[in-house]
Protein backbone atom coordinates (compact mmCIF):
# COMPACT_ATOMS: atom_id res chain seq x y z
CA UNK A 1 0.00 0.00 0.00
CA UNK A 2 1.19 3.53 -0.71
CA UNK A 3 1.73 5.00 2.75
CA UNK A 4 2.93 8.48 1.73
CA UNK A 5 0.14 10.19 3.68
CA UNK A 6 1.39 10.98 7.19
CA UNK A 7 -0.19 9.63 10.33
CA UNK A 8 -2.71 11.95 11.96
CA UNK A 9 -3.53 12.39 15.62
CA UNK A 10 -7.22 11.79 16.29
CA UNK A 11 -9.19 15.01 16.85
CA UNK A 12 -12.23 14.79 19.13
CA UNK A 13 -12.02 11.01 18.94
CA UNK A 14 -11.97 10.97 15.12
CA UNK A 15 -9.16 9.45 13.09
CA UNK A 16 -8.21 9.86 9.44
CA UNK A 17 -10.46 7.95 7.05
CA UNK A 18 -9.32 6.11 3.92
CA UNK A 19 -12.05 7.16 1.46
CA UNK A 20 -10.76 5.68 -1.79
CA UNK A 21 -7.91 3.61 -3.13
CA UNK A 22 -6.87 1.99 -6.40
CA UNK A 23 -7.13 -1.76 -6.88
CA UNK A 24 -3.34 -2.08 -6.80
CA UNK A 25 -3.14 0.20 -3.71
CA UNK A 26 -0.80 2.67 -5.43
CA UNK A 27 -3.22 5.58 -5.03
CA UNK A 28 -5.05 6.58 -1.85
CA UNK A 29 -7.49 9.30 -0.89
CA UNK A 30 -7.56 10.08 2.83
CA UNK A 31 -9.85 12.51 4.65
CA UNK A 32 -8.50 13.92 7.90
CA UNK A 33 -10.52 15.10 10.92
CA UNK A 34 -9.62 18.76 10.17
CA UNK A 35 -11.29 18.43 6.73
CA UNK A 36 -8.12 18.00 4.66
CA UNK A 37 -8.43 15.61 1.73
CA UNK A 38 -5.13 14.24 0.49
CA UNK A 39 -4.27 12.10 -2.54
CA UNK A 40 -1.04 10.20 -1.87
CA UNK A 41 -0.02 12.81 0.68
CA UNK A 42 -0.77 15.83 -1.53
CA UNK A 43 -3.56 18.01 -0.20
CA UNK A 44 -6.17 18.64 -2.90
CA UNK A 45 -9.02 20.09 -0.84
CA UNK A 46 -10.50 20.85 2.55
CA UNK A 47 -14.17 20.23 3.31
CA UNK A 48 -14.41 23.18 5.72
CA UNK A 49 -12.98 26.02 3.58
CA UNK A 50 -13.17 27.29 -0.01
CA UNK A 51 -10.91 25.39 -2.39
CA UNK A 52 -9.87 27.43 -5.44
CA UNK A 53 -8.33 24.34 -7.05
CA UNK A 54 -11.81 22.75 -7.21
CA UNK A 55 -13.35 25.51 -9.34
CA UNK A 56 -14.86 24.56 -12.70
CA UNK A 57 -16.24 26.88 -15.33
CA UNK A 58 -17.46 26.10 -18.83
CA UNK A 59 -18.16 29.11 -21.00
CA UNK A 60 -19.41 29.33 -24.55
CA UNK A 61 -20.27 32.45 -26.54
CA UNK A 62 -19.64 34.67 -23.50
CA UNK A 63 -22.22 32.70 -21.52
CA UNK A 64 -21.30 30.64 -18.47
CA UNK A 65 -23.53 27.56 -18.35
CA UNK A 66 -21.62 25.12 -16.16
CA UNK A 67 -19.68 26.27 -13.15
CA UNK A 68 -18.87 25.33 -9.58
CA UNK A 69 -16.56 26.49 -6.82
CA UNK A 70 -16.46 22.96 -5.43
CA UNK A 71 -16.17 20.34 -8.19
CA UNK A 72 -14.26 17.10 -8.56
CA UNK A 73 -13.47 15.11 -11.68
CA UNK A 74 -14.59 11.49 -11.93
CA UNK A 75 -12.68 9.51 -14.57
CA UNK A 76 -14.88 6.80 -16.08
CA UNK A 77 -13.54 3.28 -16.48
CA UNK A 78 -14.18 0.66 -19.13
CA UNK A 79 -17.59 -1.01 -18.70
CA UNK A 80 -19.26 2.24 -17.59
CA UNK A 81 -22.74 2.31 -19.16
CA UNK A 82 -23.11 5.17 -21.66
CA UNK A 83 -26.10 6.48 -23.63
CA UNK A 84 -26.14 9.20 -26.26
CA UNK A 85 -29.48 10.53 -27.49
CA UNK A 86 -30.12 13.25 -30.04
CA UNK A 87 -33.54 14.58 -30.98
CA UNK A 88 -34.59 17.18 -33.53
CA UNK A 89 -38.00 18.66 -34.25
CA UNK A 90 -39.12 21.22 -36.78
CA UNK A 91 -42.59 22.58 -37.27
CA UNK A 92 -44.25 22.63 -40.63
CA UNK A 93 -46.85 20.76 -42.55
CA UNK A 94 -46.30 17.99 -41.76
CA UNK A 95 -44.02 18.50 -38.73
CA UNK A 96 -40.70 16.66 -38.78
CA UNK A 97 -39.05 14.78 -35.95
CA UNK A 98 -35.90 12.66 -35.91
CA UNK A 99 -34.00 10.95 -33.14
CA UNK A 100 -30.83 8.92 -32.87
CA UNK A 101 -28.90 6.82 -30.37
CA UNK A 102 -25.71 6.96 -32.48
CA UNK A 103 -22.90 8.68 -30.54
CA UNK A 104 -20.20 11.01 -31.88
CA UNK A 105 -17.94 8.05 -32.72
CA UNK A 106 -20.65 6.50 -34.90
CA UNK A 107 -21.48 3.70 -32.48
CA UNK A 108 -24.99 2.85 -31.29
CA UNK A 109 -25.87 3.36 -27.63
CA UNK A 110 -26.72 2.40 -24.96
CA UNK A 111 -23.44 0.53 -24.65
CA UNK A 112 -20.60 0.10 -22.22
CA UNK A 113 -17.40 2.12 -22.63
CA UNK A 114 -14.68 -0.14 -23.97
CA UNK A 115 -11.01 -0.24 -25.02
CA UNK A 116 -11.76 1.99 -28.03
CA UNK A 117 -13.11 4.73 -25.74
CA UNK A 118 -10.20 4.26 -23.32
CA UNK A 119 -7.61 4.71 -26.11
CA UNK A 120 -8.13 8.49 -26.35
CA UNK A 121 -8.47 11.18 -23.73
CA UNK A 122 -10.26 9.99 -20.60
CA UNK A 123 -14.01 10.36 -20.27
CA UNK A 124 -14.67 12.55 -17.24
CA UNK A 125 -17.75 13.58 -15.28
CA UNK A 126 -17.47 16.95 -13.53
CA UNK A 127 -19.34 16.55 -10.24
CA UNK A 128 -20.44 19.55 -8.15
CA UNK A 129 -19.95 18.65 -4.48
CA UNK A 130 -22.41 21.34 -3.34
CA UNK A 131 -25.38 20.42 -5.55
CA UNK A 132 -24.39 16.75 -5.76
CA UNK A 133 -24.99 16.81 -9.52
CA UNK A 134 -22.92 16.21 -12.62
CA UNK A 135 -22.45 19.56 -14.38
CA UNK A 136 -20.29 18.57 -17.36
CA UNK A 137 -19.12 15.57 -19.38
CA UNK A 138 -15.58 16.08 -20.65
CA UNK A 139 -15.14 13.55 -23.42
CA UNK A 140 -14.84 13.03 -27.14
CA UNK A 141 -18.31 11.55 -26.72
CA UNK A 142 -19.63 15.02 -25.80
CA UNK A 143 -20.93 16.55 -29.05
CA UNK A 144 -19.50 20.03 -28.38
CA UNK A 145 -15.99 18.72 -27.66
CA UNK A 146 -16.07 16.06 -30.39
CA UNK A 147 -17.03 18.53 -33.12
CA UNK A 148 -14.51 21.17 -31.98
CA UNK A 149 -17.26 23.64 -31.09
CA UNK A 150 -15.60 24.00 -27.69
CA UNK A 151 -11.97 23.21 -26.84
CA UNK A 152 -11.29 20.24 -24.57
CA UNK A 153 -10.40 21.51 -21.08
CA UNK A 154 -6.97 20.96 -19.61
CA UNK A 155 -7.01 18.62 -16.62
CA UNK A 156 -4.34 18.40 -13.90
CA UNK A 157 -4.12 14.97 -12.28
CA UNK A 158 -2.83 14.24 -8.79
CA UNK A 159 -0.95 10.94 -8.55
């Protein structure tokens, strides 16, 4: 096990809590009684104060439509279930409607992410810790990123 994170003296009877770890135990996420969250000994956040490194903002055409001051990135693994749905409607006589479950890579969904999806940039959900909702999907499977309408964000990983 990676034991880079230092020992912590219990505060008010509470000890540090191992909240996540990789299958091979190389990566650990530990939450300390003072609210610090550390990944392999590197502090990435604190649950009791504002964390500027957890800010997320997605802007398009001078309009901010996905933002958070307290977001984390969740990298999706192979076998994650994925569905893409597109629908279009236009009025007229007769009205026209079309729909499709074919994703940006030309594959039919629902399906599980596989080695083809894993070969490119990672597929990431941006999760707002305050609202407890996903606010963005950073992936080549996101229409706006896949078509180059918006640039892919830069992500900094903590190992």
